[in-house]
Amino acid sequence: MDKIGELTELKDIIIEWAAVHTADSSLGSPILASRGLDLDEDLRDYFETHIISRISSTQARMGKFPGLGKTVAAACERMMAEGSDCFLESSEAIAWWLHQQIGGMSAVAVDLAVCVFQDENSQRYIALLKLDPMRMYVRDSSDKNTFEQILVLPDATHGLKTWAIIRPYQEEVRYDLLYAEGKGDEYWHSHFLECEDVATPRQLTKLVIAETGKWLDENAETISPEVASELAKTVKETAKQNLMDLEELAERVIPNSVMRDDYIGRLLDKGLTETRFEPDARWAEQRSRKTTYVLDYGVTISGPSDAIDSVVQMMPKAQDGKTRLVIETKKFYEK
C-alpha cells in the first residue's frame, strides 16, 4: 500500500458519496437511507467544509484500531477499497452498529452522515459525522408575534461535537483516525469506534515543554543555570522542528548522565509515550513568541521572546544559591 498521507495535512478534498442514516433508541431498527445523497455543489461544499474544519480542530483526538476485526474499522476499509460497489451496504452496517450502541439509552436519536472522500492524490478516506440538529425560530408569516421552532442541520461555523475521520488502516502507523466525542456521546470512542487513544503531537509537545519547566524548577539546586537555560531553550527550539528526539537532546545538553536519566524518566512518568516523535511545530512557534520567567514569591517577567532576550541577562548562580537577573532598559515605570 502506498504511504498514507497525514490526516492533519488534508486541505483539498472532494466528496464521492454520502448517505445519512438515523439510529433511534426508541425503535427496533435504524432508519436506513434507501440510496446515497444527490450531491449537488452546495451539499458537497457543506460536507467538505465540515470535514476540513474538523481536521484542523484543536479538539481533535487521535485513535488507533486494534486491527480490522471490528465493525467500523472493517466497514470503512471495505468502502475505501471497493468504493461504490459496497458503499451503501457498508454504511448500513455502521448504522446498525451505532443503533446497537444507543439501544439501552433513553430517547436518543442520531443522524449519522457517512461520507467517502478523496484527497488530491485520489486516496480515499471516510468521515462519520453526527449531525446534531440546531433549534431555530422563524416568525409566522400570518402572525408577526408568533414564532415557530424548527430544526436545522449545523453549519460549519457551529462545528460538530462528535465525529471521526478515518484513513486506510496500516498496522505500523501510530494512528488511524481523528475524532472527537461530545458531552453525552461517551459511547462514541470506546464502544462505537472501538479504538484506542493515541497522544496527539500537540499533547506530546505541550507535555514535554511543561514537564521540562517543572523538572528544572525541582532541580534548581543541583543543575547549573547555564545548563537549565540551554535545556529550556533547546526544547523550545526543537519543538518547532520536524522531529523531537529527547534522548539525543538530553545527551547533547545535560552533561550529567544521572540527571539525563532522571529527566527522561520524569517525562515518561508524566505520560510521555515515546521519546522520538513529530512535535506540533505550529503550536510551538505560536507559543514561543512569548517568554515568561517565574521568580521567587510569585514574581514573573514576561514579554515577547525576542524582547526578553535583549533586555534580560541571566548571571551564573552565586555561592548563596541565588541567580541574579540583569535587566537593561531605557523605559521604566511602575504600572
C-alpha atoms as a PDB file:
ATOM      1  CA  MET A   1       0.000   0.000   0.000  1.00  0.00           C
ATOM      2  CA  ASP A   2       1.266   3.499  -0.789  1.00  0.00           C
ATOM      3  CA  LYS A   3       2.287   5.746   2.060  1.00  0.00           C
ATOM      4  CA  ILE A   4      -0.829   7.207   3.631  1.00  0.00           C
ATOM      5  CA  GLY A   5      -0.884  10.973   3.974  1.00  0.00           C
ATOM      6  CA  GLU A   6      -1.302  12.739   7.293  1.00  0.00           C
ATOM      7  CA  LEU A   7      -4.937  13.496   8.027  1.00  0.00           C
ATOM      8  CA  THR A   8      -3.945  16.734   9.727  1.00  0.00           C
ATOM      9  CA  GLU A   9      -2.455  17.998   6.456  1.00  0.00           C
ATOM     10  CA  LEU A  10      -5.523  17.454   4.246  1.00  0.00           C
ATOM     11  CA  LYS A  11      -6.707  20.664   2.613  1.00  0.00           C
ATOM     12  CA  ASP A  12      -8.243  19.859  -0.768  1.00  0.00           C
ATOM     13  CA  ILE A  13     -10.847  17.087  -0.720  1.00  0.00           C
ATOM     14  CA  ILE A  14     -13.849  16.058  -2.775  1.00  0.00           C
ATOM     15  CA  ILE A  15     -16.844  14.052  -1.590  1.00  0.00           C
ATOM     16  CA  GLU A  16     -17.534  10.937  -3.665  1.00  0.00           C
ATOM     17  CA  TRP A  17     -20.589   9.503  -1.907  1.00  0.00           C
ATOM     18  CA  ALA A  18     -22.592  10.295   1.186  1.00  0.00           C
ATOM     19  CA  ALA A  19     -25.604   8.869   2.988  1.00  0.00           C
ATOM     20  CA  VAL A  20     -27.445   9.813   6.164  1.00  0.00           C
ATOM     21  CA  HIS A  21     -28.872   7.055   8.376  1.00  0.00           C
ATOM     22  CA  THR A  22     -30.739   7.503  11.657  1.00  0.00           C
ATOM     23  CA  ALA A  23     -30.185   5.368  14.734  1.00  0.00           C
ATOM     24  CA  ASP A  24     -33.060   5.715  17.215  1.00  0.00           C
ATOM     25  CA  SER A  25     -33.093   4.056  20.627  1.00  0.00           C
ATOM     26  CA  SER A  26     -36.921   4.076  20.652  1.00  0.00           C
ATOM     27  CA  LEU A  27     -37.105   1.910  17.516  1.00  0.00           C
ATOM     28  CA  GLY A  28     -36.247  -1.715  16.912  1.00  0.00           C
ATOM     29  CA  SER A  29     -34.045  -0.909  13.932  1.00  0.00           C
ATOM     30  CA  PRO A  30     -32.302   2.127  12.426  1.00  0.00           C
ATOM     31  CA  ILE A  31     -33.889   4.224   9.694  1.00  0.00           C
ATOM     32  CA  LEU A  32     -31.665   3.448   6.716  1.00  0.00           C
ATOM     33  CA  ALA A  33     -31.275   5.580   3.608  1.00  0.00           C
ATOM     34  CA  SER A  34     -32.546   3.806   0.511  1.00  0.00           C
ATOM     35  CA  ARG A  35     -29.790   5.388  -1.579  1.00  0.00           C
ATOM     36  CA  GLY A  36     -26.927   7.840  -1.360  1.00  0.00           C
ATOM     37  CA  LEU A  37     -27.474  11.578  -1.301  1.00  0.00           C
ATOM     38  CA  ASP A  38     -27.710  13.511  -4.551  1.00  0.00           C
ATOM     39  CA  LEU A  39     -24.603  15.601  -4.121  1.00  0.00           C
ATOM     40  CA  ASP A  40     -25.052  18.981  -5.765  1.00  0.00           C
ATOM     41  CA  GLU A  41     -22.456  21.732  -5.371  1.00  0.00           C
ATOM     42  CA  ASP A  42     -23.997  23.121  -2.174  1.00  0.00           C
ATOM     43  CA  LEU A  43     -24.241  19.737  -0.452  1.00  0.00           C
ATOM     44  CA  ARG A  44     -20.690  18.798  -1.415  1.00  0.00           C
ATOM     45  CA  ASP A  45     -19.457  22.115  -0.058  1.00  0.00           C
ATOM     46  CA  TYR A  46     -21.442  21.574   3.149  1.00  0.00           C
ATOM     47  CA  PHE A  47     -19.781  18.242   3.948  1.00  0.00           C
ATOM     48  CA  GLU A  48     -16.327  19.222   2.666  1.00  0.00           C
ATOM     49  CA  THR A  49     -16.309  22.370   4.812  1.00  0.00           C
ATOM     50  CA  HIS A  50     -17.348  20.392   7.889  1.00  0.00           C
ATOM     51  CA  ILE A  51     -14.657  17.773   7.303  1.00  0.00           C
ATOM     52  CA  ILE A  52     -11.809  20.247   6.747  1.00  0.00           C
ATOM     53  CA  SER A  53     -12.826  22.300   9.791  1.00  0.00           C
ATOM     54  CA  ARG A  54     -12.897  19.176  11.979  1.00  0.00           C
ATOM     55  CA  ILE A  55      -9.497  18.003  10.738  1.00  0.00           C
ATOM     56  CA  SER A  56      -7.961  21.322  11.763  1.00  0.00           C
ATOM     57  CA  SER A  57      -9.821  21.468  15.098  1.00  0.00           C
ATOM     58  CA  THR A  58      -7.697  21.822  18.220  1.00  0.00           C
ATOM     59  CA  GLN A  59     -10.176  19.464  19.939  1.00  0.00           C
ATOM     60  CA  ALA A  60      -9.333  16.575  17.602  1.00  0.00           C
ATOM     61  CA  ARG A  61      -8.076  13.403  19.247  1.00  0.00           C
ATOM     62  CA  MET A  62      -6.167  10.542  17.629  1.00  0.00           C
ATOM     63  CA  GLY A  63      -7.171   6.882  17.715  1.00  0.00           C
ATOM     64  CA  LYS A  64      -5.674   3.554  16.686  1.00  0.00           C
ATOM     65  CA  PHE A  65      -7.695   0.500  15.665  1.00  0.00           C
ATOM     66  CA  PRO A  66      -6.508  -2.804  17.184  1.00  0.00           C
ATOM     67  CA  GLY A  67      -6.938  -4.323  13.708  1.00  0.00           C
ATOM     68  CA  LEU A  68      -9.632  -4.768  11.089  1.00  0.00           C
ATOM     69  CA  GLY A  69     -11.763  -7.162  13.109  1.00  0.00           C
ATOM     70  CA  LYS A  70     -14.141  -4.520  14.467  1.00  0.00           C
ATOM     71  CA  THR A  71     -17.287  -3.270  12.723  1.00  0.00           C
ATOM     72  CA  VAL A  72     -16.350   0.348  11.947  1.00  0.00           C
ATOM     73  CA  ALA A  73     -12.742  -0.415  11.006  1.00  0.00           C
ATOM     74  CA  ALA A  74     -13.761  -3.268   8.684  1.00  0.00           C
ATOM     75  CA  ALA A  75     -16.645  -1.391   7.036  1.00  0.00           C
ATOM     76  CA  CYS A  76     -14.515   1.693   6.406  1.00  0.00           C
ATOM     77  CA  GLU A  77     -11.661  -0.364   4.993  1.00  0.00           C
ATOM     78  CA  ARG A  78     -14.079  -2.049   2.583  1.00  0.00           C
ATOM     79  CA  MET A  79     -15.566   1.252   1.422  1.00  0.00           C
ATOM     80  CA  MET A  80     -12.109   2.680   0.786  1.00  0.00           C
ATOM     81  CA  ALA A  81     -11.033  -0.404  -1.173  1.00  0.00           C
ATOM     82  CA  GLU A  82     -14.206  -1.281  -3.127  1.00  0.00           C
ATOM     83  CA  GLY A  83     -15.855   2.117  -3.498  1.00  0.00           C
ATOM     84  CA  SER A  84     -19.364   2.498  -4.856  1.00  0.00           C
ATOM     85  CA  ASP A  85     -19.952  -1.259  -5.163  1.00  0.00           C
ATOM     86  CA  CYS A  86     -20.277  -1.600  -1.389  1.00  0.00           C
ATOM     87  CA  PHE A  87     -20.780   1.956  -0.140  1.00  0.00           C
ATOM     88  CA  LEU A  88     -24.446   1.786   0.828  1.00  0.00           C
ATOM     89  CA  GLU A  89     -24.204  -1.733   2.271  1.00  0.00           C
ATOM     90  CA  SER A  90     -21.145  -0.874   4.382  1.00  0.00           C
ATOM     91  CA  SER A  91     -22.624   2.410   5.591  1.00  0.00           C
ATOM     92  CA  GLU A  92     -25.758   0.497   6.662  1.00  0.00           C
ATOM     93  CA  ALA A  93     -23.597  -1.899   8.690  1.00  0.00           C
ATOM     94  CA  ILE A  94     -22.105   1.096  10.509  1.00  0.00           C
ATOM     95  CA  ALA A  95     -25.603   2.480  11.164  1.00  0.00           C
ATOM     96  CA  TRP A  96     -26.754  -0.856  12.583  1.00  0.00           C
ATOM     97  CA  TRP A  97     -23.702  -0.967  14.858  1.00  0.00           C
ATOM     98  CA  LEU A  98     -24.396   2.570  16.078  1.00  0.00           C
ATOM     99  CA  HIS A  99     -28.026   1.608  16.692  1.00  0.00           C
ATOM    100  CA  GLN A 100     -26.870  -1.200  18.983  1.00  0.00           C
ATOM    101  CA  GLN A 101     -24.661   1.158  20.993  1.00  0.00           C
ATOM    102  CA  ILE A 102     -27.500   3.554  21.825  1.00  0.00           C
ATOM    103  CA  GLY A 103     -30.105   0.798  22.256  1.00  0.00           C
ATOM    104  CA  GLY A 104     -30.122   0.973  26.047  1.00  0.00           C
ATOM    105  CA  MET A 105     -30.254   4.771  26.187  1.00  0.00           C
ATOM    106  CA  SER A 106     -33.407   6.789  26.713  1.00  0.00           C
ATOM    107  CA  ALA A 107     -34.887   8.715  23.766  1.00  0.00           C
ATOM    108  CA  VAL A 108     -31.688   9.089  21.772  1.00  0.00           C
ATOM    109  CA  ALA A 109     -31.760   9.631  18.014  1.00  0.00           C
ATOM    110  CA  VAL A 110     -28.599  10.084  15.961  1.00  0.00           C
ATOM    111  CA  ASP A 111     -28.445  11.317  12.381  1.00  0.00           C
ATOM    112  CA  LEU A 112     -25.195   9.829  11.092  1.00  0.00           C
ATOM    113  CA  ALA A 113     -23.665  11.056   7.856  1.00  0.00           C
ATOM    114  CA  VAL A 114     -21.283   8.555   6.253  1.00  0.00           C
ATOM    115  CA  CYS A 115     -19.099  10.244   3.649  1.00  0.00           C
ATOM    116  CA  VAL A 116     -16.416   8.832   1.368  1.00  0.00           C
ATOM    117  CA  PHE A 117     -13.995  11.460   0.091  1.00  0.00           C
ATOM    118  CA  GLN A 118     -10.716  11.676  -1.785  1.00  0.00           C
ATOM    119  CA  ASP A 119      -7.659  13.842  -1.317  1.00  0.00           C
ATOM    120  CA  GLU A 120      -5.655  15.448  -4.142  1.00  0.00           C
ATOM    121  CA  ASN A 121      -3.822  12.139  -4.691  1.00  0.00           C
ATOM    122  CA  SER A 122      -7.083  10.185  -5.116  1.00  0.00           C
ATOM    123  CA  GLN A 123      -6.595   8.430  -1.757  1.00  0.00           C
ATOM    124  CA  ARG A 124      -9.921   7.606  -0.104  1.00  0.00           C
ATOM    125  CA  TYR A 125     -10.947   8.429   3.470  1.00  0.00           C
ATOM    126  CA  ILE A 126     -14.157   8.051   5.471  1.00  0.00           C
ATOM    127  CA  ALA A 127     -15.961  10.693   7.530  1.00  0.00           C
ATOM    128  CA  LEU A 128     -18.544   9.722  10.151  1.00  0.00           C
ATOM    129  CA  LEU A 129     -20.392  12.869  11.215  1.00  0.00           C
ATOM    130  CA  LYS A 130     -23.009  13.042  13.955  1.00  0.00           C
ATOM    131  CA  LEU A 131     -25.352  15.752  12.742  1.00  0.00           C
ATOM    132  CA  ASP A 132     -26.926  17.260  15.854  1.00  0.00           C
ATOM    133  CA  PRO A 133     -29.803  19.487  14.679  1.00  0.00           C
ATOM    134  CA  MET A 134     -29.843  23.071  15.946  1.00  0.00           C
ATOM    135  CA  ARG A 135     -33.036  24.672  17.243  1.00  0.00           C
ATOM    136  CA  MET A 136     -34.041  27.825  15.398  1.00  0.00           C
ATOM    137  CA  TYR A 137     -37.119  30.015  15.457  1.00  0.00           C
ATOM    138  CA  VAL A 138     -38.895  31.611  12.495  1.00  0.00           C
ATOM    139  CA  ARG A 139     -41.628  34.209  12.582  1.00  0.00           C
ATOM    140  CA  ASP A 140     -45.106  33.112  11.498  1.00  0.00           C
ATOM    141  CA  SER A 141     -45.923  34.978   8.269  1.00  0.00           C
ATOM    142  CA  SER A 142     -49.563  35.373   9.281  1.00  0.00           C
ATOM    143  CA  ASP A 143     -48.872  36.476  12.876  1.00  0.00           C
ATOM    144  CA  LYS A 144     -45.781  38.637  13.483  1.00  0.00           C
ATOM    145  CA  ASN A 145     -45.924  37.913  17.237  1.00  0.00           C
ATOM    146  CA  THR A 146     -45.755  34.138  16.811  1.00  0.00           C
ATOM    147  CA  PHE A 147     -42.540  32.170  16.342  1.00  0.00           C
ATOM    148  CA  GLU A 148     -42.309  28.582  15.169  1.00  0.00           C
ATOM    149  CA  GLN A 149     -39.470  26.320  16.284  1.00  0.00           C
ATOM    150  CA  ILE A 150     -37.657  24.365  13.574  1.00  0.00           C
ATOM    151  CA  LEU A 151     -34.635  22.077  13.497  1.00  0.00           C
ATOM    152  CA  VAL A 152     -31.831  22.652  11.001  1.00  0.00           C
ATOM    153  CA  LEU A 153     -28.542  20.903  10.379  1.00  0.00           C
ATOM    154  CA  PRO A 154     -25.497  22.632  11.888  1.00  0.00           C
ATOM    155  CA  ASP A 155     -23.415  24.757   9.554  1.00  0.00           C
ATOM    156  CA  ALA A 156     -19.618  24.722   9.590  1.00  0.00           C
ATOM    157  CA  THR A 157     -19.380  27.840  11.776  1.00  0.00           C
ATOM    158  CA  HIS A 158     -21.060  25.927  14.613  1.00  0.00           C
ATOM    159  CA  GLY A 159     -18.996  22.793  14.005  1.00  0.00           C
ATOM    160  CA  LEU A 160     -19.763  19.249  15.065  1.00  0.00           C
ATOM    161  CA  LYS A 161     -19.085  17.922  18.545  1.00  0.00           C
ATOM    162  CA  THR A 162     -18.956  14.202  17.684  1.00  0.00           C
ATOM    163  CA  TRP A 163     -17.268  12.884  14.554  1.00  0.00           C
ATOM    164  CA  ALA A 164     -14.486  10.696  13.142  1.00  0.00           C
ATOM    165  CA  ILE A 165     -12.236  10.971  10.084  1.00  0.00           C
ATOM    166  CA  ILE A 166     -10.710   7.596   9.183  1.00  0.00           C
ATOM    167  CA  ARG A 167      -7.811   6.781   6.864  1.00  0.00           C
ATOM    168  CA  PRO A 168      -6.755   3.395   5.407  1.00  0.00           C
ATOM    169  CA  TYR A 169      -5.516   1.045   8.100  1.00  0.00           C
ATOM    170  CA  GLN A 170      -1.810   0.325   8.391  1.00  0.00           C
ATOM    171  CA  GLU A 171      -0.561  -1.639  11.363  1.00  0.00           C
ATOM    172  CA  GLU A 172       2.738   0.225  11.623  1.00  0.00           C
ATOM    173  CA  VAL A 173       1.400   3.806  11.642  1.00  0.00           C
ATOM    174  CA  ARG A 174       0.769   5.419  15.014  1.00  0.00           C
ATOM    175  CA  TYR A 175      -2.858   6.476  14.380  1.00  0.00           C
ATOM    176  CA  ASP A 176      -5.748   5.548  12.071  1.00  0.00           C
ATOM    177  CA  LEU A 177      -8.297   8.251  12.764  1.00  0.00           C
ATOM    178  CA  LEU A 178      -9.027  11.680  14.140  1.00  0.00           C
ATOM    179  CA  TYR A 179     -12.152  12.004  16.239  1.00  0.00           C
ATOM    180  CA  ALA A 180     -13.999  13.987  18.875  1.00  0.00           C
ATOM    181  CA  GLU A 181     -16.638  12.939  21.375  1.00  0.00           C
ATOM    182  CA  GLY A 182     -19.191  15.453  22.603  1.00  0.00           C
ATOM    183  CA  LYS A 183     -20.817  15.518  26.015  1.00  0.00           C
ATOM    184  CA  GLY A 184     -23.379  12.743  26.311  1.00  0.00           C
ATOM    185  CA  ASP A 185     -21.773  10.733  23.496  1.00  0.00           C
ATOM    186  CA  GLU A 186     -19.370   8.731  25.641  1.00  0.00           C
ATOM    187  CA  TYR A 187     -20.287   5.584  23.695  1.00  0.00           C
ATOM    188  CA  TRP A 188     -18.630   7.003  20.557  1.00  0.00           C
ATOM    189  CA  HIS A 189     -14.952   6.313  21.267  1.00  0.00           C
ATOM    190  CA  SER A 190     -14.780   3.049  23.174  1.00  0.00           C
ATOM    191  CA  HIS A 191     -17.997   1.281  22.102  1.00  0.00           C
ATOM    192  CA  PHE A 192     -18.851   2.559  18.627  1.00  0.00           C
ATOM    193  CA  LEU A 193     -15.436   3.282  17.096  1.00  0.00           C
ATOM    194  CA  GLU A 194     -13.688   0.638  19.244  1.00  0.00           C
ATOM    195  CA  CYS A 195     -10.345   2.415  19.015  1.00  0.00           C
ATOM    196  CA  GLU A 196      -7.581   3.177  21.482  1.00  0.00           C
ATOM    197  CA  ASP A 197      -6.456   6.718  22.235  1.00  0.00           C
ATOM    198  CA  VAL A 198      -3.108   7.869  20.863  1.00  0.00           C
ATOM    199  CA  ALA A 199      -1.480  11.067  22.097  1.00  0.00           C
ATOM    200  CA  THR A 200      -1.577  13.859  19.517  1.00  0.00           C
ATOM    201  CA  PRO A 201       1.587  15.791  18.539  1.00  0.00           C
ATOM    202  CA  ARG A 202       0.204  18.799  20.403  1.00  0.00           C
ATOM    203  CA  GLN A 203      -0.374  16.788  23.582  1.00  0.00           C
ATOM    204  CA  LEU A 204       3.153  15.345  23.416  1.00  0.00           C
ATOM    205  CA  THR A 205       4.687  18.746  22.697  1.00  0.00           C
ATOM    206  CA  LYS A 206       2.800  20.505  25.491  1.00  0.00           C
ATOM    207  CA  LEU A 207       3.691  17.741  27.953  1.00  0.00           C
ATOM    208  CA  VAL A 208       7.417  17.924  27.151  1.00  0.00           C
ATOM    209  CA  ILE A 209       7.588  21.727  27.430  1.00  0.00           C
ATOM    210  CA  ALA A 210       5.518  21.859  30.625  1.00  0.00           C
ATOM    211  CA  GLU A 211       7.290  18.996  32.391  1.00  0.00           C
ATOM    212  CA  THR A 212      10.718  20.278  31.357  1.00  0.00           C
ATOM    213  CA  GLY A 213       9.920  23.536  33.159  1.00  0.00           C
ATOM    214  CA  LYS A 214       8.727  21.695  36.259  1.00  0.00           C
ATOM    215  CA  TRP A 215      11.781  19.411  36.265  1.00  0.00           C
ATOM    216  CA  LEU A 216      14.081  22.429  36.076  1.00  0.00           C
ATOM    217  CA  ASP A 217      12.236  24.078  38.975  1.00  0.00           C
ATOM    218  CA  GLU A 218      12.546  20.964  41.130  1.00  0.00           C
ATOM    219  CA  ASN A 219      16.253  20.575  40.333  1.00  0.00           C
ATOM    220  CA  ALA A 220      17.238  24.229  40.554  1.00  0.00           C
ATOM    221  CA  GLU A 221      19.688  23.471  43.367  1.00  0.00           C
ATOM    222  CA  THR A 222      21.527  20.723  41.505  1.00  0.00           C
ATOM    223  CA  ILE A 223      21.645  21.925  37.918  1.00  0.00           C
ATOM    224  CA  SER A 224      23.592  24.968  36.785  1.00  0.00           C
ATOM    225  CA  PRO A 225      21.703  27.996  35.401  1.00  0.00           C
ATOM    226  CA  GLU A 226      23.650  27.636  32.162  1.00  0.00           C
ATOM    227  CA  VAL A 227      22.523  24.040  31.627  1.00  0.00           C
ATOM    228  CA  ALA A 228      18.984  24.867  32.737  1.00  0.00           C
ATOM    229  CA  SER A 229      18.780  27.778  30.316  1.00  0.00           C
ATOM    230  CA  GLU A 230      20.232  25.699  27.475  1.00  0.00           C
ATOM    231  CA  LEU A 231      17.822  22.805  28.095  1.00  0.00           C
ATOM    232  CA  ALA A 232      14.754  25.062  28.179  1.00  0.00           C
ATOM    233  CA  LYS A 233      15.892  26.876  25.033  1.00  0.00           C
ATOM    234  CA  THR A 234      16.769  23.686  23.135  1.00  0.00           C
ATOM    235  CA  VAL A 235      13.452  22.015  23.971  1.00  0.00           C
ATOM    236  CA  LYS A 236      11.518  25.038  22.737  1.00  0.00           C
ATOM    237  CA  GLU A 237      13.553  25.291  19.543  1.00  0.00           C
ATOM    238  CA  THR A 238      13.369  21.553  18.808  1.00  0.00           C
ATOM    239  CA  ALA A 239       9.583  21.659  19.289  1.00  0.00           C
ATOM    240  CA  LYS A 240       9.419  23.923  16.224  1.00  0.00           C
ATOM    241  CA  GLN A 241      11.212  21.397  14.023  1.00  0.00           C
ATOM    242  CA  ASN A 242      10.045  18.245  12.236  1.00  0.00           C
ATOM    243  CA  LEU A 243      11.408  15.764  14.770  1.00  0.00           C
ATOM    244  CA  MET A 244      11.945  15.786  18.529  1.00  0.00           C
ATOM    245  CA  ASP A 245      14.387  13.137  19.782  1.00  0.00           C
ATOM    246  CA  LEU A 246      14.526  13.677  23.534  1.00  0.00           C
ATOM    247  CA  GLU A 247      17.190  11.119  24.317  1.00  0.00           C
ATOM    248  CA  GLU A 248      19.535  12.667  21.764  1.00  0.00           C
ATOM    249  CA  LEU A 249      18.635  16.145  23.035  1.00  0.00           C
ATOM    250  CA  ALA A 250      19.331  15.208  26.666  1.00  0.00           C
ATOM    251  CA  GLU A 251      22.635  13.567  25.693  1.00  0.00           C
ATOM    252  CA  ARG A 252      23.684  16.779  23.974  1.00  0.00           C
ATOM    253  CA  VAL A 253      22.552  19.307  26.584  1.00  0.00           C
ATOM    254  CA  ILE A 254      22.735  17.619  30.030  1.00  0.00           C
ATOM    255  CA  PRO A 255      26.333  16.622  30.916  1.00  0.00           C
ATOM    256  CA  ASN A 256      25.451  14.504  33.956  1.00  0.00           C
ATOM    257  CA  SER A 257      24.194  11.020  32.977  1.00  0.00           C
ATOM    258  CA  VAL A 258      22.238  10.600  36.220  1.00  0.00           C
ATOM    259  CA  MET A 259      20.415  13.878  35.610  1.00  0.00           C
ATOM    260  CA  ARG A 260      19.758  12.847  31.993  1.00  0.00           C
ATOM    261  CA  ASP A 261      18.115   9.611  33.101  1.00  0.00           C
ATOM    262  CA  ASP A 262      16.131  11.474  35.741  1.00  0.00           C
ATOM    263  CA  TYR A 263      14.886  13.992  33.157  1.00  0.00           C
ATOM    264  CA  ILE A 264      13.769  11.351  30.645  1.00  0.00           C
ATOM    265  CA  GLY A 265      12.255   9.280  33.450  1.00  0.00           C
ATOM    266  CA  ARG A 266      10.254  12.281  34.633  1.00  0.00           C
ATOM    267  CA  LEU A 267       8.743  12.767  31.169  1.00  0.00           C
ATOM    268  CA  LEU A 268       7.829   9.086  30.871  1.00  0.00           C
ATOM    269  CA  ASP A 269       6.304   9.038  34.362  1.00  0.00           C
ATOM    270  CA  LYS A 270       4.142  12.029  33.449  1.00  0.00           C
ATOM    271  CA  GLY A 271       2.633  10.312  30.419  1.00  0.00           C
ATOM    272  CA  LEU A 272       5.079  10.646  27.537  1.00  0.00           C
ATOM    273  CA  THR A 273       4.550   7.550  25.374  1.00  0.00           C
ATOM    274  CA  GLU A 274       7.528   7.955  23.046  1.00  0.00           C
ATOM    275  CA  THR A 275      10.793   9.872  23.264  1.00  0.00           C
ATOM    276  CA  ARG A 276      11.078  10.366  19.488  1.00  0.00           C
ATOM    277  CA  PHE A 277       8.103  11.967  17.726  1.00  0.00           C
ATOM    278  CA  GLU A 278       6.942  14.698  15.367  1.00  0.00           C
ATOM    279  CA  PRO A 279       6.052  17.737  17.507  1.00  0.00           C
ATOM    280  CA  ASP A 280       3.292  20.243  16.816  1.00  0.00           C
ATOM    281  CA  ALA A 281       5.614  22.825  15.286  1.00  0.00           C
ATOM    282  CA  ARG A 282       2.851  25.342  14.560  1.00  0.00           C
ATOM    283  CA  TRP A 283       1.674  25.383  18.171  1.00  0.00           C
ATOM    284  CA  ALA A 284       5.269  25.595  19.449  1.00  0.00           C
ATOM    285  CA  GLU A 285       6.001  28.509  17.129  1.00  0.00           C
ATOM    286  CA  GLN A 286       2.959  30.402  18.362  1.00  0.00           C
ATOM    287  CA  ARG A 287       3.867  29.715  21.983  1.00  0.00           C
ATOM    288  CA  SER A 288       7.500  30.697  21.529  1.00  0.00           C
ATOM    289  CA  ARG A 289       6.589  34.238  20.716  1.00  0.00           C
ATOM    290  CA  LYS A 290       6.320  34.909  24.441  1.00  0.00           C
ATOM    291  CA  THR A 291       8.818  34.169  27.228  1.00  0.00           C
ATOM    292  CA  THR A 292       7.996  34.148  30.932  1.00  0.00           C
ATOM    293  CA  TYR A 293      10.488  33.873  33.795  1.00  0.00           C
ATOM    294  CA  VAL A 294       8.935  32.731  37.094  1.00  0.00           C
ATOM    295  CA  LEU A 295      10.837  34.025  40.128  1.00  0.00           C
ATOM    296  CA  ASP A 296      10.505  33.722  43.913  1.00  0.00           C
ATOM    297  CA  TYR A 297       7.318  34.883  45.660  1.00  0.00           C
ATOM    298  CA  GLY A 298       5.222  34.681  42.511  1.00  0.00           C
ATOM    299  CA  VAL A 299       7.143  37.401  40.652  1.00  0.00           C
ATOM    300  CA  THR A 300       7.186  36.966  36.857  1.00  0.00           C
ATOM    301  CA  ILE A 301       8.965  38.676  33.984  1.00  0.00           C
ATOM    302  CA  SER A 302       7.085  38.184  30.755  1.00  0.00           C
ATOM    303  CA  GLY A 303       7.060  39.529  27.228  1.00  0.00           C
ATOM    304  CA  PRO A 304       7.853  38.824  23.565  1.00  0.00           C
ATOM    305  CA  SER A 305      10.699  36.329  23.334  1.00  0.00           C
ATOM    306  CA  ASP A 306      12.993  38.483  21.221  1.00  0.00           C
ATOM    307  CA  ALA A 307      12.454  41.483  23.518  1.00  0.00           C
ATOM    308  CA  ILE A 308      13.061  39.434  26.680  1.00  0.00           C
ATOM    309  CA  ASP A 309      16.315  38.097  25.241  1.00  0.00           C
ATOM    310  CA  SER A 310      17.514  41.627  24.504  1.00  0.00           C
ATOM    311  CA  VAL A 311      16.772  43.179  27.924  1.00  0.00           C
ATOM    312  CA  VAL A 312      17.211  40.290  30.406  1.00  0.00           C
ATOM    313  CA  GLN A 313      20.619  38.777  31.156  1.00  0.00           C
ATOM    314  CA  MET A 314      20.955  35.701  33.400  1.00  0.00           C
ATOM    315  CA  MET A 315      24.074  35.682  35.579  1.00  0.00           C
ATOM    316  CA  PRO A 316      25.775  32.473  36.846  1.00  0.00           C
ATOM    317  CA  LYS A 317      24.413  31.090  40.113  1.00  0.00           C
ATOM    318  CA  ALA A 318      26.227  32.638  43.101  1.00  0.00           C
ATOM    319  CA  GLN A 319      27.564  30.801  46.148  1.00  0.00           C
ATOM    320  CA  ASP A 320      24.429  31.712  48.110  1.00  0.00           C
ATOM    321  CA  GLY A 321      22.392  29.651  45.615  1.00  0.00           C
ATOM    322  CA  LYS A 322      20.723  32.667  44.052  1.00  0.00           C
ATOM    323  CA  THR A 323      20.577  33.566  40.385  1.00  0.00           C
ATOM    324  CA  ARG A 324      20.795  37.247  39.510  1.00  0.00           C
ATOM    325  CA  LEU A 325      18.969  38.701  36.528  1.00  0.00           C
ATOM    326  CA  VAL A 326      20.194  41.940  34.998  1.00  0.00           C
ATOM    327  CA  ILE A 327      17.502  43.957  33.260  1.00  0.00           C
ATOM    328  CA  GLU A 328      18.669  46.708  30.928  1.00  0.00           C
ATOM    329  CA  THR A 329      16.027  49.174  29.736  1.00  0.00           C
ATOM    330  CA  LYS A 330      15.718  52.845  28.931  1.00  0.00           C
ATOM    331  CA  LYS A 331      11.996  52.953  29.647  1.00  0.00           C
ATOM    332  CA  PHE A 332      10.893  52.055  33.160  1.00  0.00           C
ATOM    333  CA  TYR A 333       7.840  52.864  35.241  1.00  0.00           C
ATOM    334  CA  GLU A 334       5.604  51.240  37.840  1.00  0.00           C
ATOM    335  CA  LYS A 335       2.295  50.132  36.408  1.00  0.00           C
END
